[in-house]
Amino acid sequence: MSTASTITRRYEQLPEDDPPLLEWDDWPIAHEPFTVAVFLLALAATSLGAWMVTARLLWTFLADSLIVLSFLRALLPATYRMGPQGVERTVFGRLHRIPWQTVRAVRIGDRGVFLLDTTRFSPVDALRAVFVPFGPYREAVLARLDYYLAHRGESQW
């Protein structure tokens, strides 16, 4: 099934004045050499440390599994879409939509934005927030955030 037909079916007719739907892929382990290096170093150090402390293959495997789980977002390819319905993230065909009405605050970082459901940001909120990477579209993502959140009735985000 083509992406165009999926988008048309999901959104029906896009309003004329809305910016065009923005879609991009993100796969940090494939596109960022630093992420690969950190992952491999963490895996090697964990394996070596677990083996030296326990000398058991089961505990080494368990420690390595925890490292893989902690890097899961970087290991799985994701497709992001930003349109009038909100931000969508698709991983392995599973769609997760964040409607614009649920976004209370936005925290802009170097590599992406955190969409928060609270108005005040605390470090713990980063665990609950949805991270949307910029990919190659930093300015387009920020422009769409400004447009959709302003048209929702809030002038500042």
Protein backbone atom coordinates (compact mmCIF):
# COMPACT_ATOMS: atom_id res chain seq x y z
CA MET A 1 0.00 0.00 0.00
CA SER A 2 1.40 3.37 -0.90
CA THR A 3 1.97 6.07 1.65
CA ALA A 4 -0.11 8.57 -0.33
CA SER A 5 -3.23 6.40 -0.17
CA THR A 6 -2.71 5.81 3.55
CA ILE A 7 -2.41 9.53 4.23
CA THR A 8 -5.44 10.35 2.09
CA ARG A 9 -7.54 7.72 3.82
CA ARG A 10 -6.49 8.78 7.30
CA TYR A 11 -6.97 12.51 6.81
CA GLU A 12 -9.60 12.50 4.08
CA GLN A 13 -9.26 15.99 2.62
CA LEU A 14 -6.55 18.22 4.03
CA PRO A 15 -7.70 21.82 4.56
CA GLU A 16 -6.42 24.29 1.98
CA ASP A 17 -4.75 26.67 4.44
CA ASP A 18 -2.91 24.04 6.49
CA PRO A 19 0.75 23.41 5.74
CA PRO A 20 1.41 20.21 3.81
CA LEU A 21 1.75 16.96 5.72
CA LEU A 22 5.36 16.42 6.82
CA GLU A 23 6.67 12.86 6.89
CA TRP A 24 10.19 11.61 7.66
CA ASP A 25 11.99 8.47 8.81
CA ASP A 26 14.22 8.22 11.85
CA TRP A 27 16.57 5.34 12.60
CA PRO A 28 19.40 6.53 14.87
CA ILE A 29 21.41 3.31 14.80
CA ALA A 30 21.61 3.53 10.99
CA HIS A 31 22.04 7.29 10.57
CA GLU A 32 24.17 8.35 13.53
CA PRO A 33 27.66 6.83 13.91
CA PHE A 34 27.95 8.17 17.46
CA THR A 35 24.87 6.17 18.51
CA VAL A 36 26.37 3.00 17.03
CA ALA A 37 29.66 3.58 18.87
CA VAL A 38 27.96 4.25 22.21
CA PHE A 39 25.72 1.19 21.80
CA LEU A 40 28.60 -1.14 20.96
CA LEU A 41 30.80 0.22 23.76
CA ALA A 42 27.99 -0.10 26.29
CA LEU A 43 27.24 -3.63 25.15
CA ALA A 44 30.89 -4.67 25.29
CA ALA A 45 31.50 -3.07 28.69
CA THR A 46 28.35 -4.61 30.13
CA SER A 47 29.20 -8.05 28.77
CA LEU A 48 32.73 -7.90 30.09
CA GLY A 49 31.68 -6.52 33.47
CA ALA A 50 28.91 -9.07 33.97
CA TRP A 51 31.19 -11.93 32.94
CA MET A 52 34.01 -10.81 35.23
CA VAL A 53 31.71 -10.36 38.23
CA THR A 54 29.53 -13.47 37.84
CA ALA A 55 31.38 -15.78 35.40
CA ARG A 56 27.94 -16.98 34.28
CA LEU A 57 26.58 -16.75 30.79
CA LEU A 58 22.99 -16.29 31.99
CA TRP A 59 23.80 -13.08 33.93
CA THR A 60 25.88 -11.79 31.03
CA PHE A 61 22.95 -12.37 28.67
CA LEU A 62 20.54 -10.69 31.10
CA ALA A 63 22.79 -7.61 31.42
CA ASP A 64 23.15 -7.41 27.62
CA SER A 65 19.38 -7.70 27.24
CA LEU A 66 18.90 -4.70 29.53
CA ILE A 67 21.33 -2.65 27.42
CA VAL A 68 19.45 -3.59 24.25
CA LEU A 69 16.14 -2.62 25.87
CA SER A 70 17.54 0.73 26.95
CA PHE A 71 18.65 1.44 23.36
CA LEU A 72 15.38 0.21 21.83
CA ARG A 73 14.29 3.59 20.45
CA ALA A 74 17.60 3.89 18.62
CA LEU A 75 17.48 0.33 17.28
CA LEU A 76 14.01 0.45 15.72
CA PRO A 77 13.20 2.46 12.58
CA ALA A 78 10.29 4.88 12.99
CA THR A 79 8.28 7.04 10.62
CA TYR A 80 6.98 10.38 11.87
CA ARG A 81 4.11 12.39 10.38
CA MET A 82 3.07 15.86 11.42
CA GLY A 83 -0.30 17.10 10.21
CA PRO A 84 -3.63 18.58 11.30
CA GLN A 85 -4.52 15.58 13.49
CA GLY A 86 -1.29 15.76 15.49
CA VAL A 87 2.04 13.96 15.46
CA GLU A 88 2.10 10.31 14.49
CA ARG A 89 4.87 7.80 15.08
CA THR A 90 4.78 4.44 13.34
CA VAL A 91 7.09 1.65 14.49
CA PHE A 92 6.69 -1.82 12.91
CA GLY A 93 3.28 -0.83 11.57
CA ARG A 94 2.01 0.24 15.00
CA LEU A 95 0.66 3.78 14.97
CA HIS A 96 0.91 6.09 17.98
CA ARG A 97 -0.84 9.44 17.54
CA ILE A 98 -0.37 12.47 19.77
CA PRO A 99 -3.27 14.86 19.11
CA TRP A 100 -2.54 18.57 19.28
CA GLN A 101 -5.15 18.94 22.06
CA THR A 102 -3.02 16.85 24.45
CA VAL A 103 0.16 18.90 23.98
CA ARG A 104 0.44 21.38 26.86
CA ALA A 105 4.08 22.40 26.46
CA VAL A 106 6.98 21.93 24.07
CA ARG A 107 10.63 21.65 25.06
CA ILE A 108 13.01 22.24 22.14
CA GLY A 109 16.34 20.42 22.16
CA ASP A 110 19.27 20.10 19.78
CA ARG A 111 18.04 16.93 18.08
CA GLY A 112 14.27 17.20 18.52
CA VAL A 113 11.36 18.37 20.63
CA PHE A 114 9.67 16.97 23.70
CA LEU A 115 5.88 17.15 23.58
CA LEU A 116 4.63 17.39 27.16
CA ASP A 117 1.20 16.90 28.64
CA THR A 118 1.97 19.26 31.54
CA THR A 119 2.60 23.00 31.47
CA ARG A 120 5.69 22.95 33.69
CA PHE A 121 8.75 20.94 32.73
CA SER A 122 10.66 18.89 35.27
CA PRO A 123 13.36 16.29 34.64
CA VAL A 124 10.93 13.48 35.43
CA ASP A 125 8.58 14.72 32.70
CA ALA A 126 11.21 13.79 30.11
CA LEU A 127 10.38 10.15 30.85
CA ARG A 128 6.67 10.70 30.14
CA ALA A 129 7.08 13.14 27.26
CA VAL A 130 7.03 12.13 23.62
CA PHE A 131 10.30 12.88 21.84
CA VAL A 132 9.99 13.87 18.19
CA PRO A 133 13.36 14.02 16.42
CA PHE A 134 13.93 16.72 13.83
CA GLY A 135 15.61 14.49 11.29
CA PRO A 136 16.55 16.65 8.31
CA TYR A 137 13.53 18.96 8.84
CA ARG A 138 14.32 21.10 11.89
CA GLU A 139 12.81 24.33 10.54
CA ALA A 140 9.76 22.59 9.04
CA VAL A 141 9.01 20.77 12.31
CA LEU A 142 9.30 23.99 14.34
CA ALA A 143 7.13 25.89 11.83
CA ARG A 144 4.40 23.24 11.99
CA LEU A 145 4.52 23.17 15.80
CA ASP A 146 4.10 26.94 15.80
CA TYR A 147 1.25 26.78 13.29
CA TYR A 148 -0.78 23.95 14.81
CA LEU A 149 -0.35 24.98 18.44
CA ALA A 150 -1.16 28.62 17.64
CA HIS A 151 -4.27 27.61 15.68
CA ARG A 152 -5.36 25.48 18.59
CA GLY A 153 -5.95 28.69 20.49
CA GLU A 154 -2.65 29.12 22.29
CA SER A 155 -0.37 31.87 21.11
CA GLN A 156 2.79 30.65 22.85
CA TRP A 157 4.19 27.16 23.26
